[in-house]
Amino acid sequence: MGRRTNYGFEKRQRELKKQKKKEAKAERKRVKKEEALGLAEGAVEGELVEDGEELEEVEEEEEEEEEVQ
């Protein structure tokens, strides 16, 4: 006698795969949106904020430049 197919297991595996795919898509969209916002908000007097560089660091650098002048 052969083994019976475990439809519940197969269904759960499909659901997990679908959920992972959905999460990956949401993550890609989130990263893309953050990059777009980062470039728009990161423009300080014609300078673009590099990836990973915080806006606060840019502001601190500007303050230091103003003190030097």
Protein backbone atom coordinates (compact mmCIF):
# COMPACT_ATOMS: atom_id res chain seq x y z
CA MET A 1 0.00 0.00 0.00
CA GLY A 2 1.38 3.40 -1.00
CA ARG A 3 1.65 6.49 1.10
CA ARG A 4 -1.15 9.00 1.16
CA THR A 5 -0.47 12.52 0.00
CA ASN A 6 -0.31 15.02 2.83
CA TYR A 7 -2.34 17.81 1.28
CA GLY A 8 -2.28 19.89 4.47
CA PHE A 9 1.52 19.95 4.44
CA GLU A 10 1.67 20.85 0.75
CA LYS A 11 -0.86 23.63 1.24
CA ARG A 12 1.12 25.05 4.18
CA GLN A 13 4.32 24.98 2.12
CA ARG A 14 2.61 26.89 -0.71
CA GLU A 15 1.29 29.44 1.79
CA LEU A 16 4.75 29.93 3.32
CA LYS A 17 6.32 30.37 -0.11
CA LYS A 18 3.64 32.88 -1.08
CA GLN A 19 4.13 34.81 2.19
CA LYS A 20 7.92 34.96 1.73
CA LYS A 21 7.48 36.23 -1.81
CA LYS A 22 5.03 38.87 -0.59
CA GLU A 23 7.42 40.00 2.18
CA ALA A 24 10.33 40.20 -0.27
CA LYS A 25 8.28 42.36 -2.60
CA ALA A 26 7.22 44.65 0.27
CA GLU A 27 10.87 44.96 1.36
CA ARG A 28 11.97 45.89 -2.18
CA LYS A 29 9.23 48.53 -2.35
CA ARG A 30 10.19 49.88 1.08
CA VAL A 31 13.87 50.16 0.13
CA LYS A 32 13.03 51.83 -3.16
CA LYS A 33 10.75 54.33 -1.39
CA GLU A 34 13.39 55.09 1.27
CA GLU A 35 16.01 55.67 -1.42
CA ALA A 36 13.71 58.05 -3.24
CA LEU A 37 12.88 59.94 -0.04
CA GLY A 38 16.52 59.90 1.06
CA LEU A 39 17.64 61.52 -2.15
CA ALA A 40 14.87 64.11 -2.02
CA GLU A 41 15.37 64.96 1.66
CA GLY A 42 19.13 64.47 1.54
CA ALA A 43 19.76 67.29 -0.88
CA VAL A 44 21.41 69.95 1.26
CA GLU A 45 22.67 72.93 -0.69
CA GLY A 46 23.19 70.79 -3.78
CA GLU A 47 24.78 67.89 -1.91
CA LEU A 48 23.27 64.44 -1.88
CA VAL A 49 23.40 62.33 1.25
CA GLU A 50 25.32 59.12 0.66
CA ASP A 51 23.69 55.78 1.46
CA GLY A 52 24.07 55.09 5.16
CA GLU A 53 25.06 58.65 6.00
CA GLU A 54 22.60 60.27 8.34
CA LEU A 55 21.17 63.72 7.77
CA GLU A 56 22.40 64.68 11.25
CA GLU A 57 25.99 64.03 10.20
CA VAL A 58 25.53 66.30 7.20
CA GLU A 59 24.10 69.02 9.44
CA GLU A 60 27.05 68.69 11.84
CA GLU A 61 29.49 69.01 8.95
CA GLU A 62 27.72 72.15 7.76
CA GLU A 63 27.90 73.66 11.25
CA GLU A 64 31.64 72.94 11.37
CA GLU A 65 32.11 74.59 7.98
CA GLU A 66 30.20 77.66 9.14
CA GLU A 67 32.39 77.93 12.26
CA VAL A 68 35.53 77.81 10.12
CA GLN A 69 34.33 80.62 7.88
